[in-house]
């Protein structure tokens, strides 16, 4: 199952254009709030130049990248947490997402109205962050009533849950996002049950105007994107895209930068399986063990895990052949406690 990123922002900031550009999937974009009623979902390839190089070594018939899912909802406005502009309905669509991408407008265009009548990125960011926080607080107040009632029984689990939720409520009332709370493992487990919006990792996209592509990224977890330009680039051929990006003095497209940043935000790494039939990229969380990685391929492989044969992808490419890699002792045998590293090329042995 693909990990998912929910795209949020005020109306007319470029959210749906970003989604279209990311997924090449047509959605309705109109110059007025709330044109996107149902959530739009699209699957996006995670760019990885290592795949093609490994596939060449293995003479693979097929190359399969790892993917991410992006979810686009309608624009939010002040009061969304209370249902303004159907806000609560829209926010419910991203509670199941793994992370949030918040789009903030910093481009000027008199033909595209701003819901508040002026361009002010900091204020827009504050508006959306506040709505996410208030939506969490509104949900928590309802949950807490039930938990407090159950805790009167003296049940230790309910008492602990009550304590954790009251701690989170106090933080939210003080304007603090759940992701920034110092919670121990047991407290994090309680928080995780309720899919708090402000617990999710977040990346900000500042939608800039023409000629600002080389502007310095001043804020943490902020990606500068000229979404209109990115939309133009994505419609070119692959060769033309590379040439255009080079002409702009950029190392990669803004979209690739955003996808990579989202991948990093979720603490993900990639390992590979490669052979004549296919070379495939697989996603695991940082710190995953070899059996857990095998389980990404098939649950039977995790349950019956025996060992893994592992080589760094670059070493395999450099030597140019799996047989030579074995002869040179470059392929290691790893057991159940081995922690998968980004770029590992793996072959798993398991009991059927």
Protein backbone atom coordinates (compact mmCIF):
# COMPACT_ATOMS: atom_id res chain seq x y z
CA UNK A 1 0.00 0.00 0.00
CA UNK A 2 1.38 3.42 -1.01
CA UNK A 3 2.11 5.95 1.72
CA UNK A 4 -0.05 9.03 1.27
CA UNK A 5 0.38 12.80 1.43
CA UNK A 6 -2.65 15.06 1.88
CA UNK A 7 -2.46 18.40 0.02
CA UNK A 8 -4.08 21.32 1.90
CA UNK A 9 -4.25 25.10 1.49
CA UNK A 10 -6.56 28.04 0.98
CA UNK A 11 -8.60 28.24 -2.25
CA UNK A 12 -6.76 29.44 -5.38
CA UNK A 13 -3.22 28.86 -4.08
CA UNK A 14 -2.33 26.24 -6.72
CA UNK A 15 -3.21 23.03 -4.85
CA UNK A 16 -5.13 21.34 -7.63
CA UNK A 17 -2.64 22.50 -10.26
CA UNK A 18 0.10 20.94 -8.15
CA UNK A 19 -1.92 17.74 -7.89
CA UNK A 20 -2.52 17.69 -11.66
CA UNK A 21 1.16 18.24 -12.30
CA UNK A 22 2.23 15.56 -9.84
CA UNK A 23 -0.14 12.90 -11.08
CA UNK A 24 -0.96 14.03 -14.63
CA UNK A 25 -4.52 13.30 -13.57
CA UNK A 26 -7.15 15.79 -14.65
CA UNK A 27 -9.18 17.40 -11.87
CA UNK A 28 -11.51 20.38 -11.96
CA UNK A 29 -9.72 23.70 -11.42
CA UNK A 30 -11.89 26.82 -11.34
CA UNK A 31 -11.30 30.35 -10.17
CA UNK A 32 -13.55 30.11 -7.12
CA UNK A 33 -13.50 28.38 -3.71
CA UNK A 34 -14.71 24.83 -3.14
CA UNK A 35 -14.54 23.64 -6.78
CA UNK A 36 -12.92 20.40 -5.56
CA UNK A 37 -15.67 18.65 -3.59
CA UNK A 38 -14.56 15.01 -3.49
CA UNK A 39 -10.95 14.13 -2.71
CA UNK A 40 -8.80 13.38 -5.75
CA UNK A 41 -6.25 10.62 -5.34
CA UNK A 42 -3.24 10.04 -7.58
CA UNK A 43 -0.23 7.74 -7.53
CA UNK A 44 3.21 9.26 -8.13
CA UNK A 45 6.51 7.55 -8.94
CA UNK A 46 9.38 8.31 -6.58
CA UNK A 47 12.29 9.36 -8.84
CA UNK A 48 15.35 7.14 -8.43
CA UNK A 49 18.21 7.03 -10.95
CA UNK A 50 19.61 3.88 -9.30
CA UNK A 51 16.82 1.73 -10.75
CA UNK A 52 17.88 2.10 -14.37
CA UNK A 53 21.53 1.35 -13.54
CA UNK A 54 20.62 -1.81 -11.63
CA UNK A 55 18.24 -2.90 -14.39
CA UNK A 56 21.05 -2.56 -16.93
CA UNK A 57 23.33 -4.81 -14.84
CA UNK A 58 20.59 -7.45 -14.51
CA UNK A 59 19.24 -7.03 -18.08
CA UNK A 60 15.80 -6.73 -16.48
CA UNK A 61 12.68 -6.98 -18.64
CA UNK A 62 10.80 -4.57 -16.35
CA UNK A 63 11.64 -1.70 -14.03
CA UNK A 64 9.21 -0.96 -11.17
CA UNK A 65 9.68 2.20 -9.07
CA UNK A 66 8.29 2.73 -5.61
CA UNK A 67 5.32 5.10 -5.37
CA UNK A 68 3.56 7.63 -3.16
CA UNK A 69 -0.09 8.62 -3.05
CA UNK A 70 -1.20 12.26 -3.11
CA UNK A 71 -4.68 13.29 -1.95
CA UNK A 72 -6.10 16.65 -3.02
CA UNK A 73 -9.03 18.19 -1.10
CA UNK A 74 -10.96 21.41 -1.57
CA UNK A 75 -9.49 24.69 -0.37
CA UNK A 76 -9.92 25.52 3.31
CA UNK A 77 -10.99 28.89 4.75
CA UNK A 78 -11.18 30.38 8.23
CA UNK A 79 -13.78 28.43 10.20
CA UNK A 80 -13.18 25.18 8.27
CA UNK A 81 -12.87 23.33 11.59
CA UNK A 82 -16.48 24.37 12.35
CA UNK A 83 -17.72 23.33 8.91
CA UNK A 84 -17.26 26.68 7.14
CA UNK A 85 -17.09 25.92 3.40
CA UNK A 86 -17.74 22.24 4.21
CA UNK A 87 -14.33 22.31 5.89
CA UNK A 88 -14.85 19.43 8.32
CA UNK A 89 -15.94 17.15 5.50
CA UNK A 90 -12.77 17.98 3.55
CA UNK A 91 -10.46 17.60 6.55
CA UNK A 92 -11.83 14.11 7.24
CA UNK A 93 -10.44 13.05 3.86
CA UNK A 94 -6.84 13.57 4.99
CA UNK A 95 -7.02 12.10 8.51
CA UNK A 96 -5.89 8.76 7.07
CA UNK A 97 -2.94 10.31 5.22
CA UNK A 98 0.60 9.73 6.51
CA UNK A 99 1.75 13.34 6.07
CA UNK A 100 0.54 16.77 4.93
CA UNK A 101 1.73 19.03 2.12
CA UNK A 102 0.54 22.59 2.77
CA UNK A 103 0.52 24.88 -0.27
CA UNK A 104 0.96 28.60 0.43
CA UNK A 105 0.53 31.29 -2.24
CA UNK A 106 3.34 33.76 -2.92
CA UNK A 107 2.60 34.63 -6.57
CA UNK A 108 0.77 37.72 -7.79
CA UNK A 109 -1.94 37.43 -10.44
CA UNK A 110 -4.83 39.89 -10.56
CA UNK A 111 -6.87 37.38 -12.56
CA UNK A 112 -6.79 34.83 -9.73
CA UNK A 113 -8.68 36.01 -6.67
CA UNK A 114 -7.33 35.52 -3.16
CA UNK A 115 -9.97 34.42 -0.68
CA UNK A 116 -8.81 37.12 1.78
CA UNK A 117 -8.21 39.75 -0.90
CA UNK A 118 -4.44 40.05 -0.41
CA UNK A 119 -1.24 37.98 -0.82
CA UNK A 120 0.29 37.26 2.59
CA UNK A 121 2.06 33.87 2.82
CA UNK A 122 2.70 34.04 6.57
CA UNK A 123 -0.94 34.84 7.33
CA UNK A 124 -2.16 32.12 4.96
CA UNK A 125 0.14 29.58 6.61
CA UNK A 126 -1.09 30.65 10.02
CA UNK A 127 -4.73 30.32 8.90
CA UNK A 128 -4.33 26.74 7.67
CA UNK A 129 -2.18 25.65 10.63
CA UNK A 130 -4.80 27.10 12.99
CA UNK A 131 -7.65 25.32 11.21
CA UNK A 132 -5.84 21.98 11.44
CA UNK A 133 -5.18 22.58 15.13
CA UNK A 134 -8.78 23.62 15.87
CA UNK A 135 -10.10 20.61 13.95
CA UNK A 136 -7.99 18.36 16.21
CA UNK A 137 -9.23 20.16 19.31
CA UNK A 138 -12.87 19.85 18.22
CA UNK A 139 -12.45 16.11 17.61
CA UNK A 140 -10.53 15.61 20.87
CA UNK A 141 -13.17 17.29 23.02
CA UNK A 142 -15.76 14.76 21.80
CA UNK A 143 -13.41 11.80 22.33
CA UNK A 144 -12.35 13.00 25.77
CA UNK A 145 -15.92 13.10 27.12
CA UNK A 146 -16.30 9.39 26.35
CA UNK A 147 -12.85 8.47 27.72
CA UNK A 148 -13.40 10.48 30.94
CA UNK A 149 -16.69 8.65 31.45
CA UNK A 150 -15.00 5.26 30.92
CA UNK A 151 -12.13 6.22 33.24
CA UNK A 152 -14.57 6.53 36.17
CA UNK A 153 -14.56 2.72 36.26
CA UNK A 154 -10.97 2.87 37.50
CA UNK A 155 -9.68 0.85 34.55
CA UNK A 156 -5.94 1.56 34.24
CA UNK A 157 -5.97 1.74 30.43
CA UNK A 158 -8.79 4.29 30.38
CA UNK A 159 -7.10 6.30 33.14
CA UNK A 160 -3.83 6.40 31.17
CA UNK A 161 -5.64 7.30 27.94
CA UNK A 162 -7.51 10.08 29.77
CA UNK A 163 -4.22 11.46 31.12
CA UNK A 164 -2.58 11.46 27.67
CA UNK A 165 -5.57 13.03 25.91
CA UNK A 166 -5.85 15.75 28.55
CA UNK A 167 -2.15 16.50 28.03
CA UNK A 168 -2.72 16.79 24.26
CA UNK A 169 -5.82 18.96 24.80
CA UNK A 170 -3.84 21.41 26.95
CA UNK A 171 -1.14 21.63 24.27
CA UNK A 172 -3.67 22.23 21.48
CA UNK A 173 -5.37 24.94 23.53
CA UNK A 174 -1.94 26.56 23.88
CA UNK A 175 -1.51 26.48 20.09
CA UNK A 176 0.99 23.62 20.01
CA UNK A 177 0.83 20.93 17.30
CA UNK A 178 0.77 17.30 18.48
CA UNK A 179 3.88 16.55 16.37
CA UNK A 180 5.88 18.95 18.57
CA UNK A 181 4.90 17.34 21.89
CA UNK A 182 7.48 15.42 23.88
CA UNK A 183 5.61 12.11 24.22
CA UNK A 184 7.01 8.80 25.44
CA UNK A 185 6.36 5.60 23.49
CA UNK A 186 3.14 4.68 25.33
CA UNK A 187 1.77 8.23 24.92
CA UNK A 188 2.58 8.24 21.21
CA UNK A 189 0.64 4.96 20.85
CA UNK A 190 -2.45 6.62 22.38
CA UNK A 191 -2.11 9.68 20.11
CA UNK A 192 -1.67 7.49 17.03
CA UNK A 193 -5.09 5.89 17.57
CA UNK A 194 -6.86 9.13 16.73
CA UNK A 195 -5.03 10.31 13.58
CA UNK A 196 -4.53 13.88 14.79
CA UNK A 197 -3.94 16.17 11.81
CA UNK A 198 -1.28 18.14 13.68
CA UNK A 199 0.57 14.93 14.59
CA UNK A 200 1.37 14.29 10.95
CA UNK A 201 4.73 15.42 9.55
CA UNK A 202 4.30 18.46 7.32
CA UNK A 203 6.09 20.00 4.35
CA UNK A 204 5.26 23.50 3.08
CA UNK A 205 5.18 24.41 -0.61
CA UNK A 206 5.57 28.13 -1.29
CA UNK A 207 4.00 28.69 -4.70
CA UNK A 208 6.22 31.42 -6.19
CA UNK A 209 6.01 33.61 -9.29
CA UNK A 210 8.01 33.59 -12.50
CA UNK A 211 11.73 34.36 -12.17
CA UNK A 212 11.95 33.31 -8.52
CA UNK A 213 12.99 29.68 -9.13
CA UNK A 214 16.45 30.20 -7.60
CA UNK A 215 15.14 32.04 -4.56
CA UNK A 216 16.62 30.77 -1.25
CA UNK A 217 14.43 28.54 0.89
CA UNK A 218 14.36 30.42 4.18
CA UNK A 219 11.91 28.31 6.16
CA UNK A 220 12.47 24.81 7.50
CA UNK A 221 10.60 22.05 5.62
CA UNK A 222 9.66 24.51 2.86
CA UNK A 223 9.96 23.78 -0.85
CA UNK A 224 9.82 26.69 -3.30
CA UNK A 225 7.82 25.78 -6.40
CA UNK A 226 6.62 27.75 -9.40
CA UNK A 227 3.70 25.38 -9.84
CA UNK A 228 2.62 26.95 -13.13
CA UNK A 229 6.13 26.45 -14.54
CA UNK A 230 6.26 22.87 -13.24
CA UNK A 231 2.96 22.22 -15.01
CA UNK A 232 4.48 23.51 -18.27
CA UNK A 233 7.60 21.37 -17.79
CA UNK A 234 5.68 18.14 -17.13
CA UNK A 235 3.98 18.42 -20.53
CA UNK A 236 7.33 18.34 -22.37
CA UNK A 237 9.09 15.17 -23.49
CA UNK A 238 11.56 13.68 -20.99
CA UNK A 239 14.54 14.96 -23.00
CA UNK A 240 13.02 18.45 -23.28
CA UNK A 241 12.29 18.46 -19.53
CA UNK A 242 15.94 17.78 -18.72
CA UNK A 243 17.12 20.48 -21.13
CA UNK A 244 14.66 23.06 -19.78
CA UNK A 245 15.59 22.32 -16.14
CA UNK A 246 19.26 22.69 -17.09
CA UNK A 247 18.54 26.04 -18.78
CA UNK A 248 16.88 27.27 -15.59
CA UNK A 249 20.08 26.43 -13.69
CA UNK A 250 18.36 23.80 -11.56
CA UNK A 251 19.64 20.32 -10.62
CA UNK A 252 16.21 18.68 -10.79
CA UNK A 253 12.58 19.63 -11.27
CA UNK A 254 10.74 21.13 -8.33
CA UNK A 255 8.33 18.21 -8.42
CA UNK A 256 11.13 15.67 -7.97
CA UNK A 257 12.44 17.80 -5.13
CA UNK A 258 9.01 17.78 -3.46
CA UNK A 259 8.57 14.02 -3.87
CA UNK A 260 12.02 13.37 -2.42
CA UNK A 261 11.33 15.77 0.48
CA UNK A 262 8.02 14.01 1.20
CA UNK A 263 9.80 10.66 1.13
CA UNK A 264 12.41 11.94 3.60
CA UNK A 265 9.71 13.52 5.76
CA UNK A 266 8.18 10.08 6.30
CA UNK A 267 11.57 8.59 7.31
CA UNK A 268 11.56 6.23 4.35
CA UNK A 269 14.41 4.47 2.60
CA UNK A 270 14.56 2.33 -0.53
CA UNK A 271 15.95 -1.15 -1.03
CA UNK A 272 16.02 -3.07 -4.30
CA UNK A 273 15.44 -6.52 -5.72
CA UNK A 274 16.96 -7.12 -9.13
CA UNK A 275 17.12 -9.93 -11.67
CA UNK A 276 16.37 -10.81 -15.31
CA UNK A 277 12.59 -10.52 -14.86
CA UNK A 278 12.49 -7.18 -13.05
CA UNK A 279 14.34 -4.58 -11.01
CA UNK A 280 12.06 -3.16 -8.35
CA UNK A 281 12.30 -0.47 -5.66
CA UNK A 282 10.70 -1.15 -2.28
CA UNK A 283 9.90 1.27 0.53
CA UNK A 284 10.58 0.65 4.23
CA UNK A 285 10.86 2.84 7.31
CA UNK A 286 14.35 3.71 8.55
CA UNK A 287 15.38 1.06 11.07
CA UNK A 288 13.48 -1.82 9.43
CA UNK A 289 15.00 -5.29 9.81
CA UNK A 290 15.68 -7.74 6.98
CA UNK A 291 12.58 -9.86 7.80
CA UNK A 292 10.41 -6.70 7.83
CA UNK A 293 11.81 -5.72 4.43
CA UNK A 294 11.10 -9.21 3.11
CA UNK A 295 7.55 -8.81 4.41
CA UNK A 296 7.08 -5.80 2.10
CA UNK A 297 7.43 -8.25 -0.79
CA UNK A 298 5.20 -10.95 0.72
CA UNK A 299 4.07 -11.76 4.27
CA UNK A 300 5.17 -15.40 3.80
CA UNK A 301 8.74 -14.19 3.28
CA UNK A 302 8.77 -12.42 6.64
CA UNK A 303 7.25 -15.36 8.50
CA UNK A 304 9.60 -17.92 6.92
CA UNK A 305 12.68 -15.67 6.75
CA UNK A 306 16.00 -17.59 6.80
CA UNK A 307 18.59 -15.07 5.65
CA UNK A 308 19.24 -12.26 3.18
CA UNK A 309 21.99 -11.89 0.59
CA UNK A 310 22.84 -8.19 0.50
CA UNK A 311 25.05 -5.91 -1.57
CA UNK A 312 25.14 -2.12 -1.86
CA UNK A 313 23.61 -1.14 -5.22
CA UNK A 314 26.66 0.92 -6.26
CA UNK A 315 29.05 -1.99 -5.67
CA UNK A 316 26.86 -4.23 -7.82
CA UNK A 317 26.79 -1.64 -10.60
CA UNK A 318 30.55 -1.07 -10.35
CA UNK A 319 31.40 -4.77 -10.63
CA UNK A 320 28.78 -5.13 -13.35
CA UNK A 321 27.64 -8.68 -12.63
CA UNK A 322 26.13 -10.64 -9.71
CA UNK A 323 28.38 -13.64 -10.35
CA UNK A 324 31.49 -11.46 -10.18
CA UNK A 325 30.15 -9.80 -7.05
CA UNK A 326 29.85 -13.22 -5.39
CA UNK A 327 33.32 -14.26 -6.55
CA UNK A 328 34.77 -11.08 -5.06
CA UNK A 329 32.97 -11.62 -1.76
CA UNK A 330 30.93 -8.44 -2.11
CA UNK A 331 27.58 -10.09 -1.37
CA UNK A 332 27.08 -10.49 2.37
CA UNK A 333 24.86 -12.97 4.21
CA UNK A 334 22.72 -11.22 6.82
CA UNK A 335 20.36 -12.62 9.46
CA UNK A 336 17.16 -11.57 11.22
CA UNK A 337 18.74 -8.71 13.16
CA UNK A 338 20.22 -6.95 10.12
CA UNK A 339 18.95 -3.38 9.64
CA UNK A 340 18.22 -2.55 6.01
CA UNK A 341 20.19 0.40 4.60
CA UNK A 342 19.12 2.75 1.84
CA UNK A 343 20.39 1.36 -1.47
CA UNK A 344 20.70 -2.26 -0.38
CA UNK A 345 20.09 -4.78 -3.15
CA UNK A 346 18.61 -7.85 -1.49
CA UNK A 347 17.80 -11.48 -2.22
CA UNK A 348 15.74 -13.14 0.53
CA UNK A 349 15.74 -16.85 1.35
CA UNK A 350 12.72 -18.16 3.26
CA UNK A 351 10.86 -21.33 4.19
CA UNK A 352 7.77 -21.93 2.07
